mmCIF file of all heavy atoms, coordinates in Angstrom:
data_MODEL
# 
_entry.id   MODEL 
# 
loop_
_atom_site.group_PDB 
_atom_site.id 
_atom_site.type_symbol 
_atom_site.label_atom_id 
_atom_site.label_alt_id 
_atom_site.label_comp_id 
_atom_site.label_asym_id 
_atom_site.label_entity_id 
_atom_site.label_seq_id 
_atom_site.pdbx_PDB_ins_code 
_atom_site.Cartn_x 
_atom_site.Cartn_y 
_atom_site.Cartn_z 
_atom_site.occupancy 
_atom_site.B_iso_or_equiv 
_atom_site.pdbx_formal_charge 
_atom_site.auth_seq_id 
_atom_site.auth_comp_id 
_atom_site.auth_asym_id 
_atom_site.auth_atom_id 
_atom_site.pdbx_PDB_model_num 
ATOM 1   N N   . ILE A 1 1  ? 0.836  -1.148  -0.008 1.00 0.00 ? 1  ILE A N   1 
ATOM 2   C CA  . ILE A 1 1  ? -0.031 0.008   -0.032 1.00 0.00 ? 1  ILE A CA  1 
ATOM 3   C C   . ILE A 1 1  ? 0.953  1.225   0.045  1.00 0.00 ? 1  ILE A C   1 
ATOM 4   O O   . ILE A 1 1  ? 2.106  1.122   0.360  1.00 0.00 ? 1  ILE A O   1 
ATOM 5   C CB  . ILE A 1 1  ? -0.928 0.062   1.176  1.00 0.00 ? 1  ILE A CB  1 
ATOM 6   C CG1 . ILE A 1 1  ? -0.062 0.215   2.547  1.00 0.00 ? 1  ILE A CG1 1 
ATOM 7   C CG2 . ILE A 1 1  ? -1.860 -1.072  1.215  1.00 0.00 ? 1  ILE A CG2 1 
ATOM 8   C CD1 . ILE A 1 1  ? -0.961 0.784   3.634  1.00 0.00 ? 1  ILE A CD1 1 
ATOM 9   N N   . ILE A 1 2  ? 0.281  2.362   -0.405 1.00 0.00 ? 2  ILE A N   1 
ATOM 10  C CA  . ILE A 1 2  ? 1.032  3.619   -0.287 1.00 0.00 ? 2  ILE A CA  1 
ATOM 11  C C   . ILE A 1 2  ? 0.368  4.382   0.821  1.00 0.00 ? 2  ILE A C   1 
ATOM 12  O O   . ILE A 1 2  ? -0.872 4.573   0.828  1.00 0.00 ? 2  ILE A O   1 
ATOM 13  C CB  . ILE A 1 2  ? 0.938  4.472   -1.614 1.00 0.00 ? 2  ILE A CB  1 
ATOM 14  C CG1 . ILE A 1 2  ? 1.721  3.748   -2.807 1.00 0.00 ? 2  ILE A CG1 1 
ATOM 15  C CG2 . ILE A 1 2  ? 1.667  5.831   -1.467 1.00 0.00 ? 2  ILE A CG2 1 
ATOM 16  C CD1 . ILE A 1 2  ? 1.405  4.402   -4.102 1.00 0.00 ? 2  ILE A CD1 1 
ATOM 17  N N   . ALA A 1 3  ? 1.145  4.772   1.932  1.00 0.00 ? 3  ALA A N   1 
ATOM 18  C CA  . ALA A 1 3  ? 0.514  5.399   3.030  1.00 0.00 ? 3  ALA A CA  1 
ATOM 19  C C   . ALA A 1 3  ? -0.006 6.713   2.675  1.00 0.00 ? 3  ALA A C   1 
ATOM 20  O O   . ALA A 1 3  ? 0.766  7.594   1.983  1.00 0.00 ? 3  ALA A O   1 
ATOM 21  C CB  . ALA A 1 3  ? 1.548  5.563   4.246  1.00 0.00 ? 3  ALA A CB  1 
ATOM 22  N N   . ASN A 1 4  ? -1.204 7.135   3.051  1.00 0.00 ? 4  ASN A N   1 
ATOM 23  C CA  . ASN A 1 4  ? -1.816 8.380   2.685  1.00 0.00 ? 4  ASN A CA  1 
ATOM 24  C C   . ASN A 1 4  ? -1.617 9.460   3.740  1.00 0.00 ? 4  ASN A C   1 
ATOM 25  O O   . ASN A 1 4  ? -2.173 10.638  3.582  1.00 0.00 ? 4  ASN A O   1 
ATOM 26  C CB  . ASN A 1 4  ? -3.297 8.324   2.277  1.00 0.00 ? 4  ASN A CB  1 
ATOM 27  C CG  . ASN A 1 4  ? -4.065 7.571   3.331  1.00 0.00 ? 4  ASN A CG  1 
ATOM 28  O OD1 . ASN A 1 4  ? -3.677 7.559   4.496  1.00 0.00 ? 4  ASN A OD1 1 
ATOM 29  N ND2 . ASN A 1 4  ? -5.240 7.039   3.017  1.00 0.00 ? 4  ASN A ND2 1 
ATOM 30  N N   . LYS A 1 5  ? -0.964 9.047   4.892  1.00 0.00 ? 5  LYS A N   1 
ATOM 31  C CA  . LYS A 1 5  ? -0.677 10.082  5.946  1.00 0.00 ? 5  LYS A CA  1 
ATOM 32  C C   . LYS A 1 5  ? 0.410  9.482   6.794  1.00 0.00 ? 5  LYS A C   1 
ATOM 33  O O   . LYS A 1 5  ? 0.739  8.279   6.683  1.00 0.00 ? 5  LYS A O   1 
ATOM 34  C CB  . LYS A 1 5  ? -1.828 10.315  6.734  1.00 0.00 ? 5  LYS A CB  1 
ATOM 35  C CG  . LYS A 1 5  ? -2.508 9.032   7.451  1.00 0.00 ? 5  LYS A CG  1 
ATOM 36  C CD  . LYS A 1 5  ? -3.687 9.378   8.258  1.00 0.00 ? 5  LYS A CD  1 
ATOM 37  C CE  . LYS A 1 5  ? -4.195 8.099   8.958  1.00 0.00 ? 5  LYS A CE  1 
ATOM 38  N NZ  . LYS A 1 5  ? -5.296 8.358   9.860  1.00 0.00 ? 5  LYS A NZ  1 
ATOM 39  N N   . ASP A 1 6  ? 1.011  10.358  7.650  1.00 0.00 ? 6  ASP A N   1 
ATOM 40  C CA  . ASP A 1 6  ? 2.015  9.861   8.563  1.00 0.00 ? 6  ASP A CA  1 
ATOM 41  C C   . ASP A 1 6  ? 1.283  9.117   9.805  1.00 0.00 ? 6  ASP A C   1 
ATOM 42  O O   . ASP A 1 6  ? 0.364  9.640   10.278 1.00 0.00 ? 6  ASP A O   1 
ATOM 43  C CB  . ASP A 1 6  ? 2.690  11.120  9.285  1.00 0.00 ? 6  ASP A CB  1 
ATOM 44  C CG  . ASP A 1 6  ? 3.545  11.953  8.179  1.00 0.00 ? 6  ASP A CG  1 
ATOM 45  O OD1 . ASP A 1 6  ? 3.702  11.468  7.069  1.00 0.00 ? 6  ASP A OD1 1 
ATOM 46  O OD2 . ASP A 1 6  ? 4.068  12.984  8.587  1.00 0.00 ? 6  ASP A OD2 1 
ATOM 47  N N   . GLU A 1 7  ? 1.696  8.046   10.010 1.00 0.00 ? 7  GLU A N   1 
ATOM 48  C CA  . GLU A 1 7  ? 1.143  7.130   10.985 1.00 0.00 ? 7  GLU A CA  1 
ATOM 49  C C   . GLU A 1 7  ? 2.019  5.995   11.472 1.00 0.00 ? 7  GLU A C   1 
ATOM 50  O O   . GLU A 1 7  ? 3.084  5.806   10.887 1.00 0.00 ? 7  GLU A O   1 
ATOM 51  C CB  . GLU A 1 7  ? -0.188 6.561   10.532 1.00 0.00 ? 7  GLU A CB  1 
ATOM 52  C CG  . GLU A 1 7  ? -0.111 5.679   9.279  1.00 0.00 ? 7  GLU A CG  1 
ATOM 53  C CD  . GLU A 1 7  ? -1.573 5.240   8.828  1.00 0.00 ? 7  GLU A CD  1 
ATOM 54  O OE1 . GLU A 1 7  ? -2.308 4.913   9.610  1.00 0.00 ? 7  GLU A OE1 1 
ATOM 55  O OE2 . GLU A 1 7  ? -1.744 5.269   7.590  1.00 0.00 ? 7  GLU A OE2 1 
ATOM 56  N N   . LYS A 1 8  ? 1.585  5.293   12.446 1.00 0.00 ? 8  LYS A N   1 
ATOM 57  C CA  . LYS A 1 8  ? 2.480  4.144   12.942 1.00 0.00 ? 8  LYS A CA  1 
ATOM 58  C C   . LYS A 1 8  ? 1.854  2.809   12.520 1.00 0.00 ? 8  LYS A C   1 
ATOM 59  O O   . LYS A 1 8  ? 0.525  2.752   12.438 1.00 0.00 ? 8  LYS A O   1 
ATOM 60  C CB  . LYS A 1 8  ? 2.490  4.200   14.471 1.00 0.00 ? 8  LYS A CB  1 
ATOM 61  C CG  . LYS A 1 8  ? 3.243  5.280   15.097 1.00 0.00 ? 8  LYS A CG  1 
ATOM 62  C CD  . LYS A 1 8  ? 3.570  4.970   16.525 1.00 0.00 ? 8  LYS A CD  1 
ATOM 63  C CE  . LYS A 1 8  ? 4.328  6.227   17.126 1.00 0.00 ? 8  LYS A CE  1 
ATOM 64  N NZ  . LYS A 1 8  ? 5.667  6.330   16.531 1.00 0.00 ? 8  LYS A NZ  1 
ATOM 65  N N   . PHE A 1 9  ? 2.649  1.833   12.053 1.00 0.00 ? 9  PHE A N   1 
ATOM 66  C CA  . PHE A 1 9  ? 2.149  0.635   11.664 1.00 0.00 ? 9  PHE A CA  1 
ATOM 67  C C   . PHE A 1 9  ? 2.724  -0.491  12.725 1.00 0.00 ? 9  PHE A C   1 
ATOM 68  O O   . PHE A 1 9  ? 3.785  -0.226  13.258 1.00 0.00 ? 9  PHE A O   1 
ATOM 69  C CB  . PHE A 1 9  ? 2.669  0.149   10.348 1.00 0.00 ? 9  PHE A CB  1 
ATOM 70  C CG  . PHE A 1 9  ? 1.931  0.728   9.132  1.00 0.00 ? 9  PHE A CG  1 
ATOM 71  C CD1 . PHE A 1 9  ? 1.723  2.082   9.092  1.00 0.00 ? 9  PHE A CD1 1 
ATOM 72  C CD2 . PHE A 1 9  ? 1.430  -0.021  8.128  1.00 0.00 ? 9  PHE A CD2 1 
ATOM 73  C CE1 . PHE A 1 9  ? 0.948  2.666   7.975  1.00 0.00 ? 9  PHE A CE1 1 
ATOM 74  C CE2 . PHE A 1 9  ? 0.730  0.501   7.077  1.00 0.00 ? 9  PHE A CE2 1 
ATOM 75  C CZ  . PHE A 1 9  ? 0.422  1.845   7.044  1.00 0.00 ? 9  PHE A CZ  1 
ATOM 76  N N   . TYR A 1 10 ? 1.992  -1.502  12.923 1.00 0.00 ? 10 TYR A N   1 
ATOM 77  C CA  . TYR A 1 10 ? 2.359  -2.529  13.971 1.00 0.00 ? 10 TYR A CA  1 
ATOM 78  C C   . TYR A 1 10 ? 2.373  -3.910  13.288 1.00 0.00 ? 10 TYR A C   1 
ATOM 79  O O   . TYR A 1 10 ? 1.582  -4.285  12.579 1.00 0.00 ? 10 TYR A O   1 
ATOM 80  C CB  . TYR A 1 10 ? 1.346  -2.479  15.101 1.00 0.00 ? 10 TYR A CB  1 
ATOM 81  C CG  . TYR A 1 10 ? 1.236  -1.163  15.683 1.00 0.00 ? 10 TYR A CG  1 
ATOM 82  C CD1 . TYR A 1 10 ? 0.163  -0.192  15.346 1.00 0.00 ? 10 TYR A CD1 1 
ATOM 83  C CD2 . TYR A 1 10 ? 2.190  -0.733  16.800 1.00 0.00 ? 10 TYR A CD2 1 
ATOM 84  C CE1 . TYR A 1 10 ? 0.138  1.059   15.918 1.00 0.00 ? 10 TYR A CE1 1 
ATOM 85  C CE2 . TYR A 1 10 ? 2.078  0.477   17.344 1.00 0.00 ? 10 TYR A CE2 1 
ATOM 86  C CZ  . TYR A 1 10 ? 1.080  1.349   16.990 1.00 0.00 ? 10 TYR A CZ  1 
ATOM 87  O OH  . TYR A 1 10 ? 0.971  2.651   17.491 1.00 0.00 ? 10 TYR A OH  1 
ATOM 88  N N   . VAL A 1 11 ? 3.406  -4.642  13.583 1.00 0.00 ? 11 VAL A N   1 
ATOM 89  C CA  . VAL A 1 11 ? 3.651  -5.982  13.169 1.00 0.00 ? 11 VAL A CA  1 
ATOM 90  C C   . VAL A 1 11 ? 3.240  -6.899  14.378 1.00 0.00 ? 11 VAL A C   1 
ATOM 91  O O   . VAL A 1 11 ? 4.011  -6.872  15.379 1.00 0.00 ? 11 VAL A O   1 
ATOM 92  C CB  . VAL A 1 11 ? 5.076  -6.285  12.642 1.00 0.00 ? 11 VAL A CB  1 
ATOM 93  C CG1 . VAL A 1 11 ? 5.149  -7.730  12.270 1.00 0.00 ? 11 VAL A CG1 1 
ATOM 94  C CG2 . VAL A 1 11 ? 5.470  -5.422  11.619 1.00 0.00 ? 11 VAL A CG2 1 
ATOM 95  N N   . ASN A 1 12 ? 2.200  -7.625  14.325 1.00 0.00 ? 12 ASN A N   1 
ATOM 96  C CA  . ASN A 1 12 ? 1.846  -8.426  15.427 1.00 0.00 ? 12 ASN A CA  1 
ATOM 97  C C   . ASN A 1 12 ? 1.810  -9.881  15.120 1.00 0.00 ? 12 ASN A C   1 
ATOM 98  O O   . ASN A 1 12 ? 1.628  -10.335 13.971 1.00 0.00 ? 12 ASN A O   1 
ATOM 99  C CB  . ASN A 1 12 ? 0.355  -7.994  15.769 1.00 0.00 ? 12 ASN A CB  1 
ATOM 100 C CG  . ASN A 1 12 ? 0.123  -6.644  16.428 1.00 0.00 ? 12 ASN A CG  1 
ATOM 101 O OD1 . ASN A 1 12 ? 0.863  -6.359  17.390 1.00 0.00 ? 12 ASN A OD1 1 
ATOM 102 N ND2 . ASN A 1 12 ? -0.743 -5.848  15.954 1.00 0.00 ? 12 ASN A ND2 1 
ATOM 103 N N   . PHE A 1 13 ? 2.096  -10.641 16.156 1.00 0.00 ? 13 PHE A N   1 
ATOM 104 C CA  . PHE A 1 13 ? 1.979  -12.166 15.946 1.00 0.00 ? 13 PHE A CA  1 
ATOM 105 C C   . PHE A 1 13 ? 0.761  -12.526 16.711 1.00 0.00 ? 13 PHE A C   1 
ATOM 106 O O   . PHE A 1 13 ? 0.516  -12.273 17.931 1.00 0.00 ? 13 PHE A O   1 
ATOM 107 C CB  . PHE A 1 13 ? 3.096  -12.938 16.661 1.00 0.00 ? 13 PHE A CB  1 
ATOM 108 C CG  . PHE A 1 13 ? 3.013  -14.346 16.493 1.00 0.00 ? 13 PHE A CG  1 
ATOM 109 C CD1 . PHE A 1 13 ? 3.084  -15.140 15.437 1.00 0.00 ? 13 PHE A CD1 1 
ATOM 110 C CD2 . PHE A 1 13 ? 2.662  -15.081 17.752 1.00 0.00 ? 13 PHE A CD2 1 
ATOM 111 C CE1 . PHE A 1 13 ? 2.810  -16.523 15.404 1.00 0.00 ? 13 PHE A CE1 1 
ATOM 112 C CE2 . PHE A 1 13 ? 2.446  -16.432 17.696 1.00 0.00 ? 13 PHE A CE2 1 
ATOM 113 C CZ  . PHE A 1 13 ? 2.535  -17.150 16.549 1.00 0.00 ? 13 PHE A CZ  1 
ATOM 114 N N   . ILE A 1 14 ? -0.236 -13.232 16.004 1.00 0.00 ? 14 ILE A N   1 
ATOM 115 C CA  . ILE A 1 14 ? -1.488 -13.675 16.586 1.00 0.00 ? 14 ILE A CA  1 
ATOM 116 C C   . ILE A 1 14 ? -1.440 -15.181 16.607 1.00 0.00 ? 14 ILE A C   1 
ATOM 117 O O   . ILE A 1 14 ? -1.459 -15.771 15.584 1.00 0.00 ? 14 ILE A O   1 
ATOM 118 C CB  . ILE A 1 14 ? -2.647 -13.005 15.838 1.00 0.00 ? 14 ILE A CB  1 
ATOM 119 C CG1 . ILE A 1 14 ? -2.541 -11.550 15.844 1.00 0.00 ? 14 ILE A CG1 1 
ATOM 120 C CG2 . ILE A 1 14 ? -4.038 -13.563 16.531 1.00 0.00 ? 14 ILE A CG2 1 
ATOM 121 C CD1 . ILE A 1 14 ? -3.607 -10.856 15.046 1.00 0.00 ? 14 ILE A CD1 1 
ATOM 122 N N   . SER A 1 15 ? -1.509 -15.781 17.770 1.00 0.00 ? 15 SER A N   1 
ATOM 123 C CA  . SER A 1 15 ? -1.420 -17.179 17.906 1.00 0.00 ? 15 SER A CA  1 
ATOM 124 C C   . SER A 1 15 ? -2.757 -17.755 17.473 1.00 0.00 ? 15 SER A C   1 
ATOM 125 O O   . SER A 1 15 ? -3.889 -17.069 17.274 1.00 0.00 ? 15 SER A O   1 
ATOM 126 C CB  . SER A 1 15 ? -1.117 -17.713 19.371 1.00 0.00 ? 15 SER A CB  1 
ATOM 127 O OG  . SER A 1 15 ? -2.175 -17.224 20.151 1.00 0.00 ? 15 SER A OG  1 
ATOM 128 N N   . LYS A 1 16 ? -2.854 -19.084 17.382 1.00 0.00 ? 16 LYS A N   1 
ATOM 129 C CA  . LYS A 1 16 ? -4.026 -19.880 16.974 1.00 0.00 ? 16 LYS A CA  1 
ATOM 130 C C   . LYS A 1 16 ? -5.123 -19.566 18.080 1.00 0.00 ? 16 LYS A C   1 
ATOM 131 O O   . LYS A 1 16 ? -6.308 -19.687 17.797 1.00 0.00 ? 16 LYS A O   1 
ATOM 132 C CB  . LYS A 1 16 ? -3.841 -21.374 16.834 1.00 0.00 ? 16 LYS A CB  1 
ATOM 133 C CG  . LYS A 1 16 ? -3.095 -21.685 15.587 1.00 0.00 ? 16 LYS A CG  1 
ATOM 134 C CD  . LYS A 1 16 ? -2.825 -23.144 15.392 1.00 0.00 ? 16 LYS A CD  1 
ATOM 135 C CE  . LYS A 1 16 ? -2.122 -23.485 14.148 1.00 0.00 ? 16 LYS A CE  1 
ATOM 136 N NZ  . LYS A 1 16 ? -1.863 -24.907 13.928 1.00 0.00 ? 16 LYS A NZ  1 
ATOM 137 N N   . GLU A 1 17 ? -4.786 -19.351 19.322 1.00 0.00 ? 17 GLU A N   1 
ATOM 138 C CA  . GLU A 1 17 ? -5.621 -19.138 20.408 1.00 0.00 ? 17 GLU A CA  1 
ATOM 139 C C   . GLU A 1 17 ? -6.085 -17.719 20.463 1.00 0.00 ? 17 GLU A C   1 
ATOM 140 O O   . GLU A 1 17 ? -6.919 -17.273 21.288 1.00 0.00 ? 17 GLU A O   1 
ATOM 141 C CB  . GLU A 1 17 ? -4.976 -19.489 21.761 1.00 0.00 ? 17 GLU A CB  1 
ATOM 142 C CG  . GLU A 1 17 ? -4.583 -20.913 21.980 1.00 0.00 ? 17 GLU A CG  1 
ATOM 143 C CD  . GLU A 1 17 ? -3.340 -21.295 21.186 1.00 0.00 ? 17 GLU A CD  1 
ATOM 144 O OE1 . GLU A 1 17 ? -2.461 -20.425 20.942 1.00 0.00 ? 17 GLU A OE1 1 
ATOM 145 O OE2 . GLU A 1 17 ? -3.242 -22.478 20.737 1.00 0.00 ? 17 GLU A OE2 1 
ATOM 146 N N   . GLY A 1 18 ? -5.598 -16.853 19.486 1.00 0.00 ? 18 GLY A N   1 
ATOM 147 C CA  . GLY A 1 18 ? -5.987 -15.493 19.434 1.00 0.00 ? 18 GLY A CA  1 
ATOM 148 C C   . GLY A 1 18 ? -5.132 -14.501 20.260 1.00 0.00 ? 18 GLY A C   1 
ATOM 149 O O   . GLY A 1 18 ? -5.498 -13.276 20.456 1.00 0.00 ? 18 GLY A O   1 
ATOM 150 N N   . LYS A 1 19 ? -4.040 -14.983 20.957 1.00 0.00 ? 19 LYS A N   1 
ATOM 151 C CA  . LYS A 1 19 ? -3.200 -14.133 21.730 1.00 0.00 ? 19 LYS A CA  1 
ATOM 152 C C   . LYS A 1 19 ? -2.341 -13.262 20.837 1.00 0.00 ? 19 LYS A C   1 
ATOM 153 O O   . LYS A 1 19 ? -1.793 -13.771 19.948 1.00 0.00 ? 19 LYS A O   1 
ATOM 154 C CB  . LYS A 1 19 ? -2.356 -14.965 22.615 1.00 0.00 ? 19 LYS A CB  1 
ATOM 155 C CG  . LYS A 1 19 ? -1.471 -14.212 23.540 1.00 0.00 ? 19 LYS A CG  1 
ATOM 156 C CD  . LYS A 1 19 ? -0.631 -15.159 24.384 1.00 0.00 ? 19 LYS A CD  1 
ATOM 157 C CE  . LYS A 1 19 ? 0.358  -14.358 25.340 1.00 0.00 ? 19 LYS A CE  1 
ATOM 158 N NZ  . LYS A 1 19 ? 1.150  -15.137 26.136 1.00 0.00 ? 19 LYS A NZ  1 
ATOM 159 N N   . LYS A 1 20 ? -2.379 -11.993 21.120 1.00 0.00 ? 20 LYS A N   1 
ATOM 160 C CA  . LYS A 1 20 ? -1.643 -11.067 20.266 1.00 0.00 ? 20 LYS A CA  1 
ATOM 161 C C   . LYS A 1 20 ? -0.267 -10.571 20.863 1.00 0.00 ? 20 LYS A C   1 
ATOM 162 O O   . LYS A 1 20 ? -0.323 -10.235 22.087 1.00 0.00 ? 20 LYS A O   1 
ATOM 163 C CB  . LYS A 1 20 ? -2.504 -9.823  19.933 1.00 0.00 ? 20 LYS A CB  1 
ATOM 164 C CG  . LYS A 1 20 ? -1.836 -8.828  18.891 1.00 0.00 ? 20 LYS A CG  1 
ATOM 165 C CD  . LYS A 1 20 ? -2.612 -7.492  18.901 1.00 0.00 ? 20 LYS A CD  1 
ATOM 166 C CE  . LYS A 1 20 ? -3.903 -7.574  18.032 1.00 0.00 ? 20 LYS A CE  1 
ATOM 167 N NZ  . LYS A 1 20 ? -4.482 -6.286  17.802 1.00 0.00 ? 20 LYS A NZ  1 
ATOM 168 N N   . GLU A 1 21 ? 0.814  -10.577 20.141 1.00 0.00 ? 21 GLU A N   1 
ATOM 169 C CA  . GLU A 1 21 ? 2.060  -10.139 20.630 1.00 0.00 ? 21 GLU A CA  1 
ATOM 170 C C   . GLU A 1 21 ? 2.758  -9.172  19.654 1.00 0.00 ? 21 GLU A C   1 
ATOM 171 O O   . GLU A 1 21 ? 2.821  -9.441  18.525 1.00 0.00 ? 21 GLU A O   1 
ATOM 172 C CB  . GLU A 1 21 ? 3.008  -11.335 20.792 1.00 0.00 ? 21 GLU A CB  1 
ATOM 173 C CG  . GLU A 1 21 ? 4.361  -10.971 21.276 1.00 0.00 ? 21 GLU A CG  1 
ATOM 174 C CD  . GLU A 1 21 ? 5.407  -12.172 21.379 1.00 0.00 ? 21 GLU A CD  1 
ATOM 175 O OE1 . GLU A 1 21 ? 4.884  -13.260 20.993 1.00 0.00 ? 21 GLU A OE1 1 
ATOM 176 O OE2 . GLU A 1 21 ? 6.580  -11.925 21.506 1.00 0.00 ? 21 GLU A OE2 1 
ATOM 177 N N   . LEU A 1 22 ? 3.034  -7.890  20.107 1.00 0.00 ? 22 LEU A N   1 
ATOM 178 C CA  . LEU A 1 22 ? 3.632  -6.961  19.334 1.00 0.00 ? 22 LEU A CA  1 
ATOM 179 C C   . LEU A 1 22 ? 5.083  -7.321  19.058 1.00 0.00 ? 22 LEU A C   1 
ATOM 180 O O   . LEU A 1 22 ? 5.964  -7.396  19.942 1.00 0.00 ? 22 LEU A O   1 
ATOM 181 C CB  . LEU A 1 22 ? 3.509  -5.623  20.047 1.00 0.00 ? 22 LEU A CB  1 
ATOM 182 C CG  . LEU A 1 22 ? 4.194  -4.394  19.260 1.00 0.00 ? 22 LEU A CG  1 
ATOM 183 C CD1 . LEU A 1 22 ? 3.609  -4.144  17.947 1.00 0.00 ? 22 LEU A CD1 1 
ATOM 184 C CD2 . LEU A 1 22 ? 4.252  -3.117  20.077 1.00 0.00 ? 22 LEU A CD2 1 
ATOM 185 N N   . LEU A 1 23 ? 5.411  -7.405  17.761 1.00 0.00 ? 23 LEU A N   1 
ATOM 186 C CA  . LEU A 1 23 ? 6.733  -7.749  17.258 1.00 0.00 ? 23 LEU A CA  1 
ATOM 187 C C   . LEU A 1 23 ? 7.654  -6.427  16.885 1.00 0.00 ? 23 LEU A C   1 
ATOM 188 O O   . LEU A 1 23 ? 8.779  -6.367  17.172 1.00 0.00 ? 23 LEU A O   1 
ATOM 189 C CB  . LEU A 1 23 ? 6.807  -8.678  16.198 1.00 0.00 ? 23 LEU A CB  1 
ATOM 190 C CG  . LEU A 1 23 ? 6.105  -10.079 16.351 1.00 0.00 ? 23 LEU A CG  1 
ATOM 191 C CD1 . LEU A 1 23 ? 6.171  -10.858 15.147 1.00 0.00 ? 23 LEU A CD1 1 
ATOM 192 C CD2 . LEU A 1 23 ? 6.747  -10.837 17.603 1.00 0.00 ? 23 LEU A CD2 1 
ATOM 193 N N   . LYS A 1 24 ? 6.838  -5.564  16.180 1.00 0.00 ? 24 LYS A N   1 
ATOM 194 C CA  . LYS A 1 24 ? 7.648  -4.317  15.752 1.00 0.00 ? 24 LYS A CA  1 
ATOM 195 C C   . LYS A 1 24 ? 6.683  -3.199  15.566 1.00 0.00 ? 24 LYS A C   1 
ATOM 196 O O   . LYS A 1 24 ? 5.616  -3.444  15.101 1.00 0.00 ? 24 LYS A O   1 
ATOM 197 C CB  . LYS A 1 24 ? 8.358  -4.794  14.424 1.00 0.00 ? 24 LYS A CB  1 
ATOM 198 C CG  . LYS A 1 24 ? 9.483  -3.813  14.129 1.00 0.00 ? 24 LYS A CG  1 
ATOM 199 C CD  . LYS A 1 24 ? 10.245 -4.337  12.842 1.00 0.00 ? 24 LYS A CD  1 
ATOM 200 C CE  . LYS A 1 24 ? 11.415 -3.413  12.433 1.00 0.00 ? 24 LYS A CE  1 
ATOM 201 N NZ  . LYS A 1 24 ? 12.523 -3.562  13.517 1.00 0.00 ? 24 LYS A NZ  1 
ATOM 202 N N   . GLU A 1 25 ? 7.201  -2.127  15.789 1.00 0.00 ? 25 GLU A N   1 
ATOM 203 C CA  . GLU A 1 25 ? 6.424  -0.863  15.589 1.00 0.00 ? 25 GLU A CA  1 
ATOM 204 C C   . GLU A 1 25 ? 7.128  0.003   14.585 1.00 0.00 ? 25 GLU A C   1 
ATOM 205 O O   . GLU A 1 25 ? 8.382  0.269   14.620 1.00 0.00 ? 25 GLU A O   1 
ATOM 206 C CB  . GLU A 1 25 ? 6.263  0.070   16.911 1.00 0.00 ? 25 GLU A CB  1 
ATOM 207 C CG  . GLU A 1 25 ? 5.416  1.246   16.765 1.00 0.00 ? 25 GLU A CG  1 
ATOM 208 C CD  . GLU A 1 25 ? 5.328  1.998   18.048 1.00 0.00 ? 25 GLU A CD  1 
ATOM 209 O OE1 . GLU A 1 25 ? 4.929  1.466   19.106 1.00 0.00 ? 25 GLU A OE1 1 
ATOM 210 O OE2 . GLU A 1 25 ? 5.518  3.210   18.078 1.00 0.00 ? 25 GLU A OE2 1 
ATOM 211 N N   . LEU A 1 26 ? 6.408  0.520   13.543 1.00 0.00 ? 26 LEU A N   1 
ATOM 212 C CA  . LEU A 1 26 ? 7.004  1.250   12.475 1.00 0.00 ? 26 LEU A CA  1 
ATOM 213 C C   . LEU A 1 26 ? 6.432  2.625   12.285 1.00 0.00 ? 26 LEU A C   1 
ATOM 214 O O   . LEU A 1 26 ? 5.350  2.728   12.303 1.00 0.00 ? 26 LEU A O   1 
ATOM 215 C CB  . LEU A 1 26 ? 6.908  0.493   11.025 1.00 0.00 ? 26 LEU A CB  1 
ATOM 216 C CG  . LEU A 1 26 ? 7.516  -1.020  11.047 1.00 0.00 ? 26 LEU A CG  1 
ATOM 217 C CD1 . LEU A 1 26 ? 6.965  -1.581  9.786  1.00 0.00 ? 26 LEU A CD1 1 
ATOM 218 C CD2 . LEU A 1 26 ? 9.029  -0.951  10.982 1.00 0.00 ? 26 LEU A CD2 1 
# 
């Protein structure tokens, strides 16, 4: 995608059980 504004993106790992873990913030 081409970002249409300045913002933060997050890379999350979501397990099969639905647990979310933040891996990286951009």
